[in-house]
Amino acid sequence: MIEVSNREIARYLGYRGISPDPRVQQVIDQVLQELERSVRPGCLHRMEPCTLDASGLLHLGPITVSSLDLKKNLDGCTHVILIGATLGAAPDQLIRRYEATDMLKASIAQAVAAAMIEAYLDSEQEKLERMYLAQGLHMRPRFSPGYGDLSLDVQPEILAVLQMSKHLGVTLTDGLLMIPSKSITAFIGLAERPYHCETISCQFCGKENCLYRKE
């Protein structure tokens, strides 16, 4: 079972400093139970060398990226993990069903599923952290396409390297958004020195007015 925080669900619903009222919380609980029964989560990862050339381009295995924000995130890293995760098609199907009958439930399902995919990837990342720490490597906060100046244009390459379509059924729209929608890709740096920072990757994103930005 994926452990999902009520606080994170409330954050995705736009609550700031207050909790959902009992009626909304009851719907949250119902939707969460339904998603827990139906999601089929999956995760793929691959470690690649991480180098920076004289022109400032990052070479992350077979992927070459130009991003000052990702460069800052990966400073001092010798390797990078390419990671992709999805909850499968069930959340999208549930949201579409609710949209036809109950927009409140549809909005809550969006929030619950968003919190759920983040929680699932957090748990997978914790497993990787333990594995690589045993090898003397320390993980950085994950950094996804769309954060800061890291363009979504890199999405096709990540999906291709991880073979996400073949193994997880994840594809891209013409606008480079993933289907199923509750899917995430990211880069996670690996360095020989520990990274002493309690913040997450929102610190690198300039969209300070984003509804989903962590406090």
Protein backbone atom coordinates (compact mmCIF):
# COMPACT_ATOMS: atom_id res chain seq x y z
CA MET A 1 0.00 0.00 0.00
CA ILE A 2 1.19 3.51 -0.82
CA GLU A 3 1.27 5.71 2.28
CA VAL A 4 -0.31 9.02 1.29
CA SER A 5 -0.30 12.04 3.61
CA ASN A 6 -3.62 13.82 4.16
CA ARG A 7 -1.61 17.01 4.44
CA GLU A 8 -0.23 16.53 0.93
CA ILE A 9 -3.69 15.82 -0.46
CA ALA A 10 -4.99 19.00 1.18
CA ARG A 11 -2.07 20.95 -0.30
CA TYR A 12 -2.95 19.78 -3.79
CA LEU A 13 -6.53 20.85 -3.14
CA GLY A 14 -5.30 24.35 -2.32
CA TYR A 15 -5.71 24.31 1.47
CA ARG A 16 -3.17 26.52 3.24
CA GLY A 17 -2.92 26.31 7.01
CA ILE A 18 -6.36 24.73 7.44
CA SER A 19 -7.75 21.21 7.13
CA PRO A 20 -10.59 20.13 4.84
CA ASP A 21 -14.02 20.17 6.47
CA PRO A 22 -15.50 16.78 7.48
CA ARG A 23 -17.61 16.51 4.32
CA VAL A 24 -14.62 17.00 2.05
CA GLN A 25 -12.47 14.72 4.20
CA GLN A 26 -15.06 11.97 3.87
CA VAL A 27 -14.88 12.23 0.07
CA ILE A 28 -11.06 12.23 0.24
CA ASP A 29 -11.15 9.00 2.25
CA GLN A 30 -13.58 7.39 -0.21
CA VAL A 31 -11.52 8.36 -3.25
CA LEU A 32 -8.28 7.25 -1.59
CA GLN A 33 -9.73 3.83 -0.83
CA GLU A 34 -10.93 3.43 -4.40
CA LEU A 35 -7.56 4.40 -5.83
CA GLU A 36 -5.71 2.09 -3.45
CA ARG A 37 -7.74 -0.80 -4.83
CA SER A 38 -7.23 0.07 -8.49
CA VAL A 39 -3.79 1.62 -9.07
CA ARG A 40 -1.01 -0.47 -10.61
CA PRO A 41 2.17 1.43 -9.74
CA GLY A 42 5.43 0.77 -11.52
CA CYS A 43 8.90 2.29 -11.46
CA LEU A 44 12.01 2.07 -13.65
CA HIS A 45 15.46 3.49 -13.01
CA ARG A 46 18.90 3.48 -14.55
CA MET A 47 22.23 4.89 -13.39
CA GLU A 48 24.35 6.82 -15.89
CA PRO A 49 27.59 8.84 -15.71
CA CYS A 50 27.18 12.58 -15.20
CA THR A 51 29.67 14.97 -16.82
CA LEU A 52 29.79 18.67 -17.72
CA ASP A 53 31.59 19.80 -20.85
CA ALA A 54 33.44 23.06 -21.49
CA SER A 55 30.37 24.65 -23.09
CA GLY A 56 28.24 24.03 -19.99
CA LEU A 57 26.22 21.12 -21.39
CA LEU A 58 25.33 18.26 -19.06
CA HIS A 59 25.92 14.77 -20.40
CA LEU A 60 23.74 12.31 -18.49
CA GLY A 61 24.53 9.00 -20.11
CA PRO A 62 23.01 9.16 -23.61
CA ILE A 63 21.09 12.37 -22.80
CA THR A 64 22.57 15.85 -23.28
CA VAL A 65 20.85 18.70 -21.42
CA SER A 66 21.27 22.47 -21.24
CA SER A 67 19.89 23.68 -17.89
CA LEU A 68 21.45 25.99 -15.35
CA ASP A 69 19.05 24.82 -12.64
CA LEU A 70 19.75 21.12 -13.21
CA LYS A 71 23.46 21.93 -13.36
CA LYS A 72 23.17 23.51 -9.90
CA ASN A 73 21.28 20.48 -8.61
CA LEU A 74 23.91 18.06 -9.95
CA ASP A 75 26.98 20.07 -8.91
CA GLY A 76 29.61 17.65 -7.63
CA CYS A 77 27.77 14.54 -8.88
CA THR A 78 29.61 11.77 -10.71
CA HIS A 79 26.51 9.83 -11.71
CA VAL A 80 22.80 10.40 -12.18
CA ILE A 81 19.78 8.15 -11.86
CA LEU A 82 17.15 8.41 -14.57
CA ILE A 83 13.86 7.43 -12.95
CA GLY A 84 10.29 7.09 -14.14
CA ALA A 85 7.17 6.04 -12.25
CA THR A 86 3.44 5.74 -12.89
CA LEU A 87 0.23 4.76 -11.13
CA GLY A 88 -1.14 3.27 -14.33
CA ALA A 89 -4.38 4.08 -16.12
CA ALA A 90 -6.77 3.72 -13.16
CA PRO A 91 -6.55 7.33 -11.84
CA ASP A 92 -7.31 8.82 -15.27
CA GLN A 93 -10.25 6.46 -15.70
CA LEU A 94 -11.63 7.32 -12.27
CA ILE A 95 -11.24 11.06 -12.83
CA ARG A 96 -13.05 10.88 -16.18
CA ARG A 97 -15.89 8.93 -14.59
CA TYR A 98 -16.25 11.49 -11.81
CA GLU A 99 -16.12 14.40 -14.28
CA ALA A 100 -19.31 13.09 -15.85
CA THR A 101 -21.19 12.93 -12.53
CA ASP A 102 -19.51 14.82 -9.68
CA MET A 103 -16.94 17.60 -10.23
CA LEU A 104 -16.09 17.77 -6.52
CA LYS A 105 -15.07 14.14 -6.56
CA ALA A 106 -13.19 14.68 -9.82
CA SER A 107 -11.14 17.53 -8.27
CA ILE A 108 -10.46 15.48 -5.16
CA ALA A 109 -9.43 12.47 -7.25
CA GLN A 110 -6.95 14.68 -9.11
CA ALA A 111 -5.44 15.80 -5.80
CA VAL A 112 -5.36 12.34 -4.23
CA ALA A 113 -3.75 10.78 -7.30
CA ALA A 114 -1.16 13.58 -7.52
CA ALA A 115 -0.21 13.07 -3.87
CA MET A 116 -0.18 9.31 -4.39
CA ILE A 117 2.29 9.30 -7.31
CA GLU A 118 4.62 11.61 -5.37
CA ALA A 119 4.40 9.36 -2.30
CA TYR A 120 5.04 6.27 -4.41
CA LEU A 121 8.12 7.81 -6.03
CA ASP A 122 9.34 8.99 -2.61
CA SER A 123 9.17 5.40 -1.34
CA GLU A 124 11.01 4.06 -4.40
CA GLN A 125 13.64 6.76 -4.02
CA GLU A 126 14.18 5.79 -0.37
CA LYS A 127 14.96 2.22 -1.47
CA LEU A 128 17.47 3.49 -4.00
CA GLU A 129 19.00 5.81 -1.43
CA ARG A 130 19.75 2.88 0.88
CA MET A 131 21.20 0.85 -1.98
CA TYR A 132 23.51 3.56 -3.27
CA LEU A 133 24.54 4.70 0.21
CA ALA A 134 25.93 1.21 0.74
CA GLN A 135 28.13 1.93 -2.29
CA GLY A 136 29.33 5.25 -0.82
CA LEU A 137 27.11 7.44 -3.00
CA HIS A 138 24.75 10.13 -1.69
CA MET A 139 21.57 11.16 -3.46
CA ARG A 140 20.44 14.67 -4.36
CA PRO A 141 16.79 15.82 -4.46
CA ARG A 142 15.09 14.61 -7.63
CA PHE A 143 14.64 17.11 -10.43
CA SER A 144 11.94 16.66 -13.06
CA PRO A 145 11.46 18.12 -16.56
CA GLY A 146 9.38 21.28 -16.20
CA TYR A 147 11.20 22.40 -13.03
CA GLY A 148 12.99 25.72 -13.39
CA ASP A 149 14.63 26.00 -16.80
CA LEU A 150 14.65 22.25 -17.51
CA SER A 151 12.47 21.91 -20.60
CA LEU A 152 9.91 19.18 -21.21
CA ASP A 153 11.77 18.61 -24.49
CA VAL A 154 13.94 16.06 -22.65
CA GLN A 155 10.94 13.84 -21.90
CA PRO A 156 11.12 11.70 -25.07
CA GLU A 157 14.74 10.83 -24.36
CA ILE A 158 14.04 9.81 -20.76
CA LEU A 159 11.11 7.65 -21.81
CA ALA A 160 13.21 6.05 -24.55
CA VAL A 161 16.20 5.31 -22.32
CA LEU A 162 13.99 3.75 -19.64
CA GLN A 163 11.71 2.05 -22.22
CA MET A 164 8.72 3.33 -20.27
CA SER A 165 6.29 2.69 -23.09
CA LYS A 166 7.31 -0.96 -23.32
CA HIS A 167 7.50 -1.73 -19.61
CA LEU A 168 5.02 0.70 -18.01
CA GLY A 169 2.73 1.71 -20.87
CA VAL A 170 3.69 5.39 -20.51
CA THR A 171 3.58 7.50 -23.67
CA LEU A 172 3.69 11.21 -24.54
CA THR A 173 1.17 13.60 -26.03
CA ASP A 174 2.17 16.06 -28.75
CA GLY A 175 2.63 18.57 -25.92
CA LEU A 176 5.12 16.21 -24.18
CA LEU A 177 2.76 15.42 -21.30
CA MET A 178 2.71 11.84 -20.08
CA ILE A 179 -0.14 9.38 -20.47
CA PRO A 180 -1.17 8.02 -17.97
CA SER A 181 -1.14 11.51 -16.47
CA LYS A 182 -0.16 10.37 -12.98
CA SER A 183 3.38 9.59 -14.07
CA ILE A 184 6.69 11.25 -13.21
CA THR A 185 10.19 11.29 -14.66
CA ALA A 186 13.21 12.78 -12.93
CA PHE A 187 16.96 13.01 -12.63
CA ILE A 188 18.55 12.16 -9.26
CA GLY A 189 22.20 13.05 -8.77
CA LEU A 190 24.70 10.78 -7.02
CA ALA A 191 27.78 12.25 -5.35
CA GLU A 192 30.54 10.99 -3.09
CA ARG A 193 29.84 13.79 -0.61
CA PRO A 194 26.59 14.01 1.39
CA TYR A 195 24.12 16.73 0.52
CA HIS A 196 23.11 18.69 3.63
CA CYS A 197 19.82 20.26 2.67
CA GLU A 198 16.31 19.63 3.97
CA THR A 199 14.46 21.33 1.12
CA ILE A 200 13.11 19.59 -1.96
CA SER A 201 13.47 20.44 -5.60
CA CYS A 202 10.94 23.31 -5.43
CA GLN A 203 13.95 25.37 -4.28
CA PHE A 204 15.22 25.35 -7.86
CA CYS A 205 11.95 26.37 -9.49
CA GLY A 206 11.30 30.05 -10.14
CA LYS A 207 7.49 29.65 -10.20
CA GLU A 208 6.95 31.00 -6.70
CA ASN A 209 3.22 31.51 -7.23
CA CYS A 210 2.65 27.83 -8.11
CA LEU A 211 -0.32 26.35 -6.24
CA TYR A 212 1.60 23.16 -5.55
CA ARG A 213 4.84 24.74 -4.35
CA LYS A 214 6.00 23.32 -1.03
CA GLU A 215 6.10 25.74 1.88
